[in-house]
Amino acid sequence: MFSGRHSAFMRTLRFRLMLWNALAVILTGVGILLCLRGGVRYALLRETDQVLHEDLEEIALVFQEQGDVDWEVLHHELERKALGHKFHGWFVRFYDEGGESTWSSASAPAIASLDLLGSDAASRQGYRVLRRQLPGNDRLGSSVAVGSSQDILNVYMMRIDELVVVVFLGVLFAAPLGGYLLAGRATRPLAKMIATTEQLHPAQMNERLEIRGTGDELDALAKTVNRLLDRIGDYLRQKHDFLANAAHELRTPLAAIRSTVEVALGGDRSVDEYQELLGEVIQECSSLELLVNQLLILAESDADRLKMYSDRVALDKLLASGVEMFRGVAEFKGLRLRTSPFPPVAVAGNRNSLRQVVNNLLDNAIKFTSERHATDLAHANGDSGTGGEISVELHRDEERQEARIRISDNGTGIAAEHLPHIFERFYRVDKARTREGIGGSGLGLSICRVIIDAHSGRIEVDSKPGEGTTFTITLPLAPVLSGAMAGV
């Protein structure tokens, strides 16, 4: 059990942040300490070289100021200086013109390669040595070398190394502890987010993550999650309303079918009466089938499975076919279906789905344009005769590479407060339109918008109460082909 908790802790973000922070601090500390150690050693060597250089300058001044050097006095002074700097292991050695040693202090080490030194300072067998030529022509003092032991330097470096080790051990202990505390402080808001998210339930989506106002990545994450929760909440509410409305709409035809069958089974009836009752059942089944098909289209659109083929659709022919299909219905209601010549327009998409949109809008325009209201409106405008009219137009916008369908009627119109909602599922504008017994599920315009959105287009509505309604569909044109335009 302990092993499992330990393993789980090692997989946490806090542990990884602690580990990364500790590694970063330790590596940075080691690098700084090593650089500091190297810098101190370099500074000590430069200081030693400077002292040796000054000693050489002092000896050179003796040869420069005294023409004939009193070697006995010089040797005495240099030997005394060597004894005085015994702690540093200081020594001096003279050379003749041939490079042979002529005299050296008693403390001079036996370094075989000392006689081969150049003019630059060098380290030889634990000594730092510097050599230069002397002024004058004294054969016993053509050049001189001075040096000092590096033992004192090594002592200093050992003390520095001890300090480096102590500091490194301190960093090694403090880095994980500090990293753990800092990681805990950094992940505390994240822990609150996790705790709040765990309390969320599909039935209660009111909880939101706290925005601390720091403007950092965690605040950005909290805002993003809150927006996601808002969308999920809206989606769940829409799903709940959708299911409730769908159940209500399905219950109506089912209740009608049940009551019709119960009436048929309630007693002996004639063949004509049975045929009439069965006809009513078939009519209700047709309504039920239409509603189920509409629900399936909306369900596929919610799951992003709505199939929109990339067929080349001749929109002008499709629109002309729809107009001819509804012309007889419009004339039967005493309405005039007015069109102008349609320019050749091709779009990419699903021919059957686009036909469904056109037919739905034409059907709505005919249903909700009252002959009596349109006639009264025409008389009010000084026109004679019946005024019930539905206009269908098709435009091709070469500049924007768009096709535009406009279907207008001069019916009762839609009030402004209803316009933002008419594309919502199961939304009906009963108070804004005179339905005159016309039924509907309230899904037609929702399906139109779903199909047009799937075709990367737009559907818009403009309506004024008492004057009429205009629906405008905009679709992108299909790419130009070398062959003839595809037909419907």
Protein backbone atom coordinates (compact mmCIF):
# COMPACT_ATOMS: atom_id res chain seq x y z
CA MET A 1 0.00 0.00 0.00
CA PHE A 2 2.81 2.37 0.89
CA SER A 3 4.57 1.45 -2.33
CA GLY A 4 1.42 2.28 -4.29
CA ARG A 5 1.07 5.71 -2.62
CA HIS A 6 4.75 6.37 -3.18
CA SER A 7 4.43 5.47 -6.85
CA ALA A 8 1.32 7.66 -7.20
CA PHE A 9 3.13 10.61 -5.58
CA MET A 10 6.07 10.22 -7.97
CA ARG A 11 3.64 10.56 -10.90
CA THR A 12 2.16 13.82 -9.62
CA LEU A 13 2.89 17.17 -11.19
CA ARG A 14 4.07 18.47 -7.82
CA PHE A 15 6.77 15.80 -7.61
CA ARG A 16 7.92 16.47 -11.16
CA LEU A 17 8.03 20.22 -10.57
CA MET A 18 10.00 19.59 -7.38
CA LEU A 19 12.41 17.31 -9.23
CA TRP A 20 12.88 19.73 -12.12
CA ASN A 21 13.37 22.66 -9.76
CA ALA A 22 15.87 20.69 -7.64
CA LEU A 23 17.84 19.57 -10.69
CA ALA A 24 17.88 23.10 -12.07
CA VAL A 25 19.04 24.58 -8.76
CA ILE A 26 21.66 21.86 -8.18
CA LEU A 27 23.08 22.08 -11.68
CA THR A 28 23.10 25.87 -11.54
CA GLY A 29 24.74 25.80 -8.10
CA VAL A 30 27.38 23.29 -9.20
CA GLY A 31 28.14 25.37 -12.27
CA ILE A 32 28.47 28.55 -10.20
CA LEU A 33 30.68 26.85 -7.61
CA LEU A 34 32.96 25.34 -10.25
CA CYS A 35 33.24 28.67 -12.03
CA LEU A 36 33.94 30.38 -8.71
CA ARG A 37 36.64 27.83 -7.85
CA GLY A 38 38.26 28.23 -11.26
CA GLY A 39 38.10 32.01 -10.97
CA VAL A 40 39.73 32.01 -7.53
CA ARG A 41 42.53 29.72 -8.73
CA TYR A 42 43.10 31.90 -11.76
CA ALA A 43 43.18 35.04 -9.60
CA LEU A 44 45.69 33.49 -7.18
CA LEU A 45 47.96 32.40 -10.04
CA ARG A 46 47.81 35.87 -11.58
CA GLU A 47 48.62 37.40 -8.21
CA THR A 48 51.61 35.03 -7.79
CA ASP A 49 52.82 35.85 -11.31
CA GLN A 50 52.56 39.56 -10.57
CA VAL A 51 54.67 39.22 -7.41
CA LEU A 52 57.30 37.19 -9.30
CA HIS A 53 57.31 39.79 -12.07
CA GLU A 54 57.94 42.57 -9.53
CA ASP A 55 60.81 40.53 -8.02
CA LEU A 56 62.38 40.25 -11.46
CA GLU A 57 61.97 43.98 -12.00
CA GLU A 58 63.69 44.65 -8.68
CA ILE A 59 66.68 42.46 -9.63
CA ALA A 60 66.84 44.01 -13.12
CA LEU A 61 67.02 47.50 -11.56
CA VAL A 62 70.11 46.44 -9.61
CA PHE A 63 71.86 45.46 -12.86
CA GLN A 64 70.64 48.59 -14.58
CA GLU A 65 71.69 51.07 -11.84
CA GLN A 66 74.99 49.38 -10.95
CA GLY A 67 77.30 48.88 -13.84
CA ASP A 68 79.48 46.33 -12.03
CA VAL A 69 77.31 44.25 -9.76
CA ASP A 70 78.69 43.34 -6.35
CA TRP A 71 77.75 39.68 -6.49
CA GLU A 72 78.62 39.02 -2.87
CA VAL A 73 76.24 41.71 -1.63
CA LEU A 74 73.55 40.68 -4.14
CA HIS A 75 73.81 37.04 -3.20
CA HIS A 76 73.56 37.97 0.46
CA GLU A 77 70.45 40.09 -0.08
CA LEU A 78 68.75 37.47 -2.25
CA GLU A 79 69.57 34.65 0.16
CA ARG A 80 68.13 36.70 3.02
CA LYS A 81 64.99 37.34 0.99
CA ALA A 82 64.69 33.63 0.24
CA LEU A 83 64.94 32.86 3.95
CA GLY A 84 62.36 35.55 4.70
CA HIS A 85 59.90 34.03 2.19
CA LYS A 86 60.57 30.45 3.18
CA PHE A 87 56.84 29.91 3.83
CA HIS A 88 56.16 30.67 0.16
CA GLY A 89 59.18 28.62 -1.02
CA TRP A 90 60.65 31.63 -2.82
CA PHE A 91 63.94 31.12 -4.73
CA VAL A 92 66.15 32.76 -7.38
CA ARG A 93 68.61 31.41 -9.96
CA PHE A 94 71.06 33.23 -12.35
CA TYR A 95 72.24 32.07 -15.79
CA ASP A 96 75.19 33.00 -18.00
CA GLU A 97 75.03 33.69 -21.71
CA GLY A 98 75.15 29.99 -22.48
CA GLY A 99 72.15 29.28 -20.29
CA GLU A 100 74.14 27.55 -17.59
CA SER A 101 73.25 28.18 -13.97
CA THR A 102 75.82 30.44 -12.25
CA TRP A 103 74.21 30.86 -8.85
CA SER A 104 70.95 29.98 -7.06
CA SER A 105 69.58 30.51 -3.59
CA ALA A 106 69.80 27.66 -1.12
CA SER A 107 66.03 27.12 -1.35
CA ALA A 108 66.06 26.65 -5.14
CA PRO A 109 64.50 23.31 -6.07
CA ALA A 110 66.21 20.78 -8.30
CA ILE A 111 64.01 21.22 -11.35
CA ALA A 112 65.70 19.78 -14.42
CA SER A 113 63.57 21.71 -16.93
CA LEU A 114 63.97 25.04 -15.10
CA ASP A 115 66.89 26.03 -17.32
CA LEU A 116 64.70 25.65 -20.43
CA LEU A 117 62.04 28.18 -19.37
CA GLY A 118 61.00 30.96 -21.69
CA SER A 119 59.85 34.42 -20.70
CA ASP A 120 56.32 33.34 -19.66
CA ALA A 121 55.38 32.10 -16.20
CA ALA A 122 54.96 28.36 -15.94
CA SER A 123 54.28 25.67 -13.35
CA ARG A 124 57.08 23.15 -12.76
CA GLN A 125 56.97 20.35 -10.18
CA GLY A 126 54.75 22.28 -7.75
CA TYR A 127 56.46 25.68 -8.33
CA ARG A 128 55.44 28.78 -10.22
CA VAL A 129 58.47 30.12 -12.11
CA LEU A 130 59.18 33.27 -14.17
CA ARG A 131 62.43 34.06 -16.13
CA ARG A 132 63.78 37.15 -17.99
CA GLN A 133 66.91 38.62 -19.53
CA LEU A 134 69.02 41.09 -17.45
CA PRO A 135 70.43 44.41 -18.74
CA GLY A 136 74.19 44.86 -19.07
CA ASN A 137 76.86 42.43 -20.17
CA ASP A 138 77.66 40.64 -16.94
CA ARG A 139 78.59 37.12 -17.93
CA LEU A 140 77.46 35.74 -14.59
CA GLY A 141 74.03 37.35 -14.82
CA SER A 142 72.78 37.17 -18.37
CA SER A 143 69.29 36.08 -17.21
CA VAL A 144 67.54 35.30 -13.96
CA ALA A 145 64.58 33.10 -12.87
CA VAL A 146 62.48 33.51 -9.74
CA GLY A 147 59.76 31.24 -8.42
CA SER A 148 57.68 30.28 -5.45
CA SER A 149 56.03 27.12 -4.23
CA GLN A 150 52.41 26.43 -5.12
CA ASP A 151 51.82 24.61 -1.85
CA ILE A 152 50.18 27.68 -0.32
CA LEU A 153 47.97 27.94 -3.42
CA ASN A 154 46.98 24.30 -3.02
CA VAL A 155 46.16 24.94 0.66
CA TYR A 156 43.89 27.81 -0.30
CA MET A 157 42.24 25.68 -2.99
CA MET A 158 41.68 22.85 -0.52
CA ARG A 159 39.87 25.24 1.80
CA ILE A 160 37.81 26.52 -1.10
CA ASP A 161 37.03 22.93 -2.10
CA GLU A 162 35.85 22.22 1.42
CA LEU A 163 33.60 25.28 1.26
CA VAL A 164 32.32 24.19 -2.15
CA VAL A 165 31.45 20.74 -0.82
CA VAL A 166 29.63 22.20 2.20
CA VAL A 167 27.67 24.59 0.02
CA PHE A 168 26.89 21.82 -2.47
CA LEU A 169 25.56 19.58 0.28
CA GLY A 170 23.43 22.44 1.55
CA VAL A 171 22.05 23.06 -1.93
CA LEU A 172 21.50 19.32 -2.40
CA PHE A 173 19.35 19.27 0.73
CA ALA A 174 17.61 22.63 0.33
CA ALA A 175 16.80 22.37 -3.40
CA PRO A 176 14.30 19.47 -3.14
CA LEU A 177 12.73 20.96 -0.01
CA GLY A 178 12.41 24.39 -1.57
CA GLY A 179 11.23 22.84 -4.83
CA TYR A 180 8.57 20.85 -2.97
CA LEU A 181 7.26 23.97 -1.21
CA LEU A 182 7.31 26.07 -4.37
CA ALA A 183 5.69 23.29 -6.40
CA GLY A 184 2.99 22.99 -3.76
CA ARG A 185 2.33 26.70 -3.94
CA ALA A 186 2.28 26.61 -7.73
CA THR A 187 -0.05 23.58 -7.94
CA ARG A 188 -2.43 24.65 -5.15
CA PRO A 189 -4.77 26.47 -7.59
CA LEU A 190 -4.65 23.39 -9.81
CA ALA A 191 -5.66 21.20 -6.87
CA LYS A 192 -8.63 23.52 -6.25
CA MET A 193 -9.60 23.20 -9.90
CA ILE A 194 -9.50 19.41 -9.63
CA ALA A 195 -11.59 19.44 -6.45
CA THR A 196 -14.18 21.76 -8.00
CA THR A 197 -14.31 19.72 -11.21
CA GLU A 198 -14.82 16.49 -9.27
CA GLN A 199 -17.95 17.99 -7.69
CA LEU A 200 -19.55 18.71 -11.06
CA HIS A 201 -22.51 16.59 -12.08
CA PRO A 202 -24.49 16.61 -15.34
CA ALA A 203 -27.59 17.52 -13.36
CA GLN A 204 -25.84 20.45 -11.66
CA MET A 205 -23.45 22.47 -13.79
CA ASN A 206 -23.52 25.67 -11.75
CA GLU A 207 -20.06 25.36 -10.17
CA ARG A 208 -17.24 27.29 -11.85
CA LEU A 209 -13.49 27.44 -11.29
CA GLU A 210 -12.12 30.35 -9.30
CA ILE A 211 -10.48 33.17 -11.27
CA ARG A 212 -7.69 34.53 -9.05
CA GLY A 213 -6.99 37.58 -11.20
CA THR A 214 -3.28 36.86 -11.55
CA GLY A 215 -3.42 36.72 -15.34
CA ASP A 216 -1.16 33.68 -15.46
CA GLU A 217 -1.57 30.37 -17.31
CA LEU A 218 -3.66 28.88 -14.50
CA ASP A 219 -6.11 31.77 -14.73
CA ALA A 220 -6.24 31.25 -18.49
CA LEU A 221 -6.88 27.54 -17.91
CA ALA A 222 -9.65 28.32 -15.41
CA LYS A 223 -11.33 30.71 -17.88
CA THR A 224 -11.06 28.12 -20.65
CA VAL A 225 -12.55 25.39 -18.45
CA ASN A 226 -15.34 27.74 -17.33
CA ARG A 227 -16.20 28.52 -20.95
CA LEU A 228 -16.21 24.78 -21.66
CA LEU A 229 -18.51 24.20 -18.68
CA ASP A 230 -20.81 26.95 -19.97
CA ARG A 231 -20.99 25.24 -23.36
CA ILE A 232 -21.56 21.84 -21.75
CA GLY A 233 -24.29 23.30 -19.55
CA ASP A 234 -25.99 24.90 -22.55
CA TYR A 235 -25.64 21.67 -24.50
CA LEU A 236 -27.17 19.60 -21.69
CA ARG A 237 -30.04 22.07 -21.33
CA GLN A 238 -30.65 21.96 -25.07
CA LYS A 239 -30.56 18.16 -25.00
CA HIS A 240 -33.02 18.10 -22.13
CA ASP A 241 -35.36 20.49 -23.90
CA PHE A 242 -34.91 18.57 -27.14
CA LEU A 243 -35.84 15.26 -25.53
CA ALA A 244 -38.81 16.79 -23.72
CA ASN A 245 -40.11 18.47 -26.87
CA ALA A 246 -39.46 15.36 -28.98
CA ALA A 247 -41.39 13.23 -26.48
CA HIS A 248 -44.25 15.73 -26.56
CA GLU A 249 -44.34 15.81 -30.36
CA LEU A 250 -44.20 12.02 -30.60
CA ARG A 251 -46.95 11.63 -28.04
CA THR A 252 -49.45 13.63 -30.11
CA PRO A 253 -49.57 11.37 -33.21
CA LEU A 254 -49.28 8.26 -31.06
CA ALA A 255 -52.26 9.39 -28.99
CA ALA A 256 -54.20 10.08 -32.18
CA ILE A 257 -53.37 6.63 -33.54
CA ARG A 258 -54.35 5.00 -30.26
CA SER A 259 -57.67 6.83 -30.06
CA THR A 260 -58.45 6.01 -33.71
CA VAL A 261 -57.74 2.33 -33.17
CA GLU A 262 -59.81 2.32 -29.96
CA VAL A 263 -62.72 3.87 -31.85
CA ALA A 264 -62.34 1.23 -34.56
CA LEU A 265 -62.38 -1.54 -31.97
CA GLY A 266 -65.26 -0.01 -30.02
CA GLY A 267 -67.98 -1.61 -32.15
CA ASP A 268 -69.03 -3.03 -35.48
CA ARG A 269 -68.51 -0.61 -38.33
CA SER A 270 -68.95 -0.58 -42.03
CA VAL A 271 -66.15 -1.06 -44.51
CA ASP A 272 -66.21 2.63 -45.41
CA GLU A 273 -65.89 3.61 -41.74
CA TYR A 274 -62.97 1.21 -41.27
CA GLN A 275 -61.28 2.61 -44.37
CA GLU A 276 -61.75 6.14 -43.06
CA LEU A 277 -60.29 5.23 -39.67
CA LEU A 278 -57.35 3.42 -41.27
CA GLY A 279 -56.78 6.43 -43.47
CA GLU A 280 -56.53 8.59 -40.37
CA VAL A 281 -54.04 6.11 -38.88
CA ILE A 282 -51.95 6.23 -42.08
CA GLN A 283 -52.04 10.04 -42.01
CA GLU A 284 -50.85 10.10 -38.40
CA CYS A 285 -48.16 7.51 -39.21
CA SER A 286 -46.96 9.75 -42.04
CA SER A 287 -46.73 12.68 -39.64
CA LEU A 288 -44.92 10.45 -37.18
CA GLU A 289 -42.51 9.24 -39.87
CA LEU A 290 -41.78 12.83 -40.93
CA LEU A 291 -41.09 13.82 -37.33
CA VAL A 292 -38.79 10.84 -36.77
CA ASN A 293 -36.85 11.64 -39.95
CA GLN A 294 -36.44 15.24 -38.81
CA LEU A 295 -35.21 14.10 -35.41
CA LEU A 296 -32.70 11.76 -37.08
CA ILE A 297 -31.32 14.63 -39.19
CA LEU A 298 -30.87 16.80 -36.11
CA ALA A 299 -29.27 13.92 -34.19
CA GLU A 300 -26.80 13.34 -37.03
CA SER A 301 -25.97 17.04 -37.13
CA ASP A 302 -25.29 17.04 -33.37
CA ALA A 303 -22.93 14.09 -33.78
CA ASP A 304 -21.25 15.69 -36.84
CA ARG A 305 -22.36 12.74 -38.95
CA LEU A 306 -24.63 14.66 -41.30
CA LYS A 307 -23.57 13.55 -44.77
CA MET A 308 -22.94 16.45 -47.13
CA TYR A 309 -21.64 15.09 -50.41
CA SER A 310 -19.53 17.23 -52.70
CA ASP A 311 -21.76 16.78 -55.73
CA ARG A 312 -21.94 19.56 -58.26
CA VAL A 313 -25.51 20.82 -57.91
CA ALA A 314 -27.15 23.07 -60.51
CA LEU A 315 -28.93 25.38 -58.11
CA ASP A 316 -30.98 27.09 -60.82
CA LYS A 317 -32.48 23.78 -61.99
CA LEU A 318 -33.08 22.61 -58.44
CA LEU A 319 -34.87 25.85 -57.60
CA ALA A 320 -36.96 25.74 -60.81
CA SER A 321 -38.00 22.16 -60.01
CA GLY A 322 -39.12 23.16 -56.50
CA VAL A 323 -41.10 26.13 -57.79
CA GLU A 324 -42.96 23.99 -60.34
CA MET A 325 -43.78 21.42 -57.65
CA PHE A 326 -45.39 24.02 -55.38
CA ARG A 327 -47.00 26.17 -58.10
CA GLY A 328 -50.20 24.14 -58.12
CA VAL A 329 -50.52 24.32 -54.31
CA ALA A 330 -50.03 28.09 -54.40
CA GLU A 331 -52.66 28.55 -57.14
CA PHE A 332 -55.10 26.34 -55.20
CA LYS A 333 -54.77 28.76 -52.25
CA GLY A 334 -55.22 31.73 -54.55
CA LEU A 335 -51.58 32.81 -54.25
CA ARG A 336 -49.29 33.90 -57.02
CA LEU A 337 -45.80 32.29 -57.19
CA ARG A 338 -43.63 34.82 -58.99
CA THR A 339 -40.16 34.05 -60.35
CA SER A 340 -37.63 35.63 -62.68
CA PRO A 341 -35.24 33.78 -65.01
CA PHE A 342 -32.65 31.98 -62.91
CA PRO A 343 -29.00 32.44 -63.94
CA PRO A 344 -26.93 29.24 -64.23
CA VAL A 345 -25.43 28.65 -60.77
CA ALA A 346 -23.59 25.59 -59.46
CA VAL A 347 -22.73 24.82 -55.83
CA ALA A 348 -21.01 21.88 -54.18
CA GLY A 349 -23.09 19.84 -51.79
CA ASN A 350 -25.87 17.33 -51.23
CA ARG A 351 -28.61 17.71 -53.85
CA ASN A 352 -31.34 16.07 -51.75
CA SER A 353 -30.54 18.14 -48.67
CA LEU A 354 -30.58 21.42 -50.62
CA ARG A 355 -33.86 20.40 -52.25
CA GLN A 356 -35.26 19.78 -48.76
CA VAL A 357 -34.30 23.33 -47.70
CA VAL A 358 -35.90 24.92 -50.77
CA ASN A 359 -39.07 22.84 -50.44
CA ASN A 360 -39.34 23.61 -46.73
CA LEU A 361 -39.07 27.37 -47.25
CA LEU A 362 -41.55 27.32 -50.16
CA ASP A 363 -43.97 25.21 -48.13
CA ASN A 364 -43.75 27.63 -45.19
CA ALA A 365 -44.23 30.64 -47.44
CA ILE A 366 -47.39 29.11 -48.92
CA LYS A 367 -48.74 27.94 -45.56
CA PHE A 368 -48.25 31.23 -43.76
CA THR A 369 -49.36 33.59 -46.50
CA SER A 370 -53.07 34.15 -46.00
CA GLU A 371 -54.97 35.01 -49.19
CA ARG A 372 -57.38 37.23 -47.26
CA HIS A 373 -54.62 39.09 -45.42
CA ALA A 374 -52.60 39.55 -48.60
CA THR A 375 -55.65 40.84 -50.46
CA ASP A 376 -56.41 43.32 -47.69
CA LEU A 377 -52.77 44.43 -47.76
CA ALA A 378 -52.93 44.88 -51.54
CA HIS A 379 -56.12 46.95 -51.30
CA ALA A 380 -54.54 49.07 -48.58
CA ASN A 381 -51.66 49.79 -50.92
CA GLY A 382 -54.02 50.78 -53.76
CA ASP A 383 -53.62 47.53 -55.70
CA SER A 384 -56.56 45.61 -57.08
CA GLY A 385 -57.12 41.91 -57.08
CA THR A 386 -55.65 39.32 -54.81
CA GLY A 387 -52.37 40.28 -53.22
CA GLY A 388 -51.14 36.88 -52.02
CA GLU A 389 -47.70 36.62 -53.59
CA ILE A 390 -44.55 34.58 -53.09
CA SER A 391 -41.36 35.67 -54.83
CA VAL A 392 -38.39 33.38 -55.58
CA GLU A 393 -35.09 34.88 -56.79
CA LEU A 394 -31.61 33.51 -57.53
CA HIS A 395 -28.53 35.73 -57.84
CA ARG A 396 -24.92 34.95 -58.69
CA ASP A 397 -22.25 37.14 -57.02
CA GLU A 398 -19.05 36.75 -59.01
CA GLU A 399 -17.07 39.13 -56.80
CA ARG A 400 -17.74 37.18 -53.62
CA GLN A 401 -18.11 33.83 -55.39
CA GLU A 402 -21.50 33.25 -53.80
CA ALA A 403 -24.97 32.14 -54.83
CA ARG A 404 -27.92 33.84 -53.16
CA ILE A 405 -31.50 32.49 -52.96
CA ARG A 406 -34.24 34.86 -51.78
CA ILE A 407 -37.75 33.56 -50.97
CA SER A 408 -40.22 36.29 -49.96
CA ASP A 409 -43.90 36.43 -49.08
CA ASN A 410 -46.28 39.24 -48.19
CA GLY A 411 -47.97 37.37 -45.36
CA THR A 412 -48.50 38.38 -41.76
CA GLY A 413 -44.78 38.57 -40.95
CA ILE A 414 -42.93 37.76 -37.73
CA ALA A 415 -42.59 40.02 -34.70
CA ALA A 416 -39.07 41.26 -33.92
CA GLU A 417 -38.90 39.45 -30.55
CA HIS A 418 -39.39 36.10 -32.28
CA LEU A 419 -36.80 36.52 -35.06
CA PRO A 420 -33.74 35.50 -32.95
CA HIS A 421 -35.46 32.21 -32.02
CA ILE A 422 -37.14 30.97 -35.20
CA PHE A 423 -34.22 28.64 -36.02
CA GLU A 424 -34.38 27.02 -32.59
CA ARG A 425 -35.75 23.50 -32.38
CA PHE A 426 -39.49 23.16 -31.66
CA TYR A 427 -39.89 26.94 -31.61
CA ARG A 428 -43.24 28.13 -32.90
CA VAL A 429 -44.46 31.65 -33.50
CA ASP A 430 -48.10 30.87 -32.80
CA LYS A 431 -48.90 34.36 -31.56
CA ALA A 432 -47.19 36.06 -34.46
CA ARG A 433 -48.84 34.12 -37.28
CA THR A 434 -52.35 33.08 -38.01
CA ARG A 435 -51.93 29.34 -38.21
CA GLU A 436 -55.53 28.61 -39.33
CA GLY A 437 -55.29 25.01 -38.26
CA ILE A 438 -51.88 24.42 -39.86
CA GLY A 439 -49.78 21.97 -37.85
CA GLY A 440 -46.04 21.65 -37.59
CA SER A 441 -43.30 20.30 -35.35
CA GLY A 442 -41.19 23.45 -35.22
CA LEU A 443 -38.17 21.60 -36.64
CA GLY A 444 -38.27 22.68 -40.28
CA LEU A 445 -36.25 25.90 -39.96
CA SER A 446 -33.82 24.22 -37.56
CA ILE A 447 -33.13 21.56 -40.19
CA CYS A 448 -32.71 24.25 -42.86
CA ARG A 449 -30.06 25.99 -40.79
CA VAL A 450 -28.28 22.70 -40.03
CA ILE A 451 -28.10 21.82 -43.73
CA ILE A 452 -26.98 25.28 -44.83
CA ASP A 453 -24.32 25.40 -42.08
CA ALA A 454 -23.04 22.02 -43.25
CA HIS A 455 -22.67 23.54 -46.74
CA SER A 456 -20.58 26.44 -45.30
CA GLY A 457 -23.41 28.83 -46.11
CA ARG A 458 -25.72 31.24 -44.28
CA ILE A 459 -29.47 31.49 -43.84
CA GLU A 460 -30.98 34.79 -42.73
CA VAL A 461 -34.48 36.13 -42.18
CA ASP A 462 -35.96 39.59 -42.48
CA SER A 463 -39.56 40.14 -41.48
CA LYS A 464 -41.98 42.90 -40.53
CA PRO A 465 -45.35 42.19 -38.94
CA GLY A 466 -48.16 42.83 -41.40
CA GLU A 467 -45.80 43.16 -44.41
CA GLY A 468 -44.20 39.77 -44.97
CA THR A 469 -41.09 37.66 -44.52
CA THR A 470 -37.94 37.12 -46.60
CA PHE A 471 -35.51 34.22 -46.19
CA THR A 472 -32.08 34.61 -47.79
CA ILE A 473 -29.73 31.66 -48.33
CA THR A 474 -26.09 32.27 -49.28
CA LEU A 475 -23.90 29.41 -50.53
CA PRO A 476 -20.34 29.37 -51.93
CA LEU A 477 -20.08 28.71 -55.65
CA ALA A 478 -18.64 25.42 -56.84
CA PRO A 479 -15.19 25.50 -58.48
CA VAL A 480 -15.32 26.12 -62.22
CA LEU A 481 -15.02 22.97 -64.34
CA SER A 482 -13.96 22.66 -67.94
CA GLY A 483 -17.02 20.55 -68.78
CA ALA A 484 -20.68 21.38 -68.66
CA MET A 485 -22.37 22.20 -65.40
CA ALA A 486 -23.87 19.21 -63.61
CA GLY A 487 -27.65 18.97 -63.69
CA VAL A 488 -30.13 18.17 -61.03
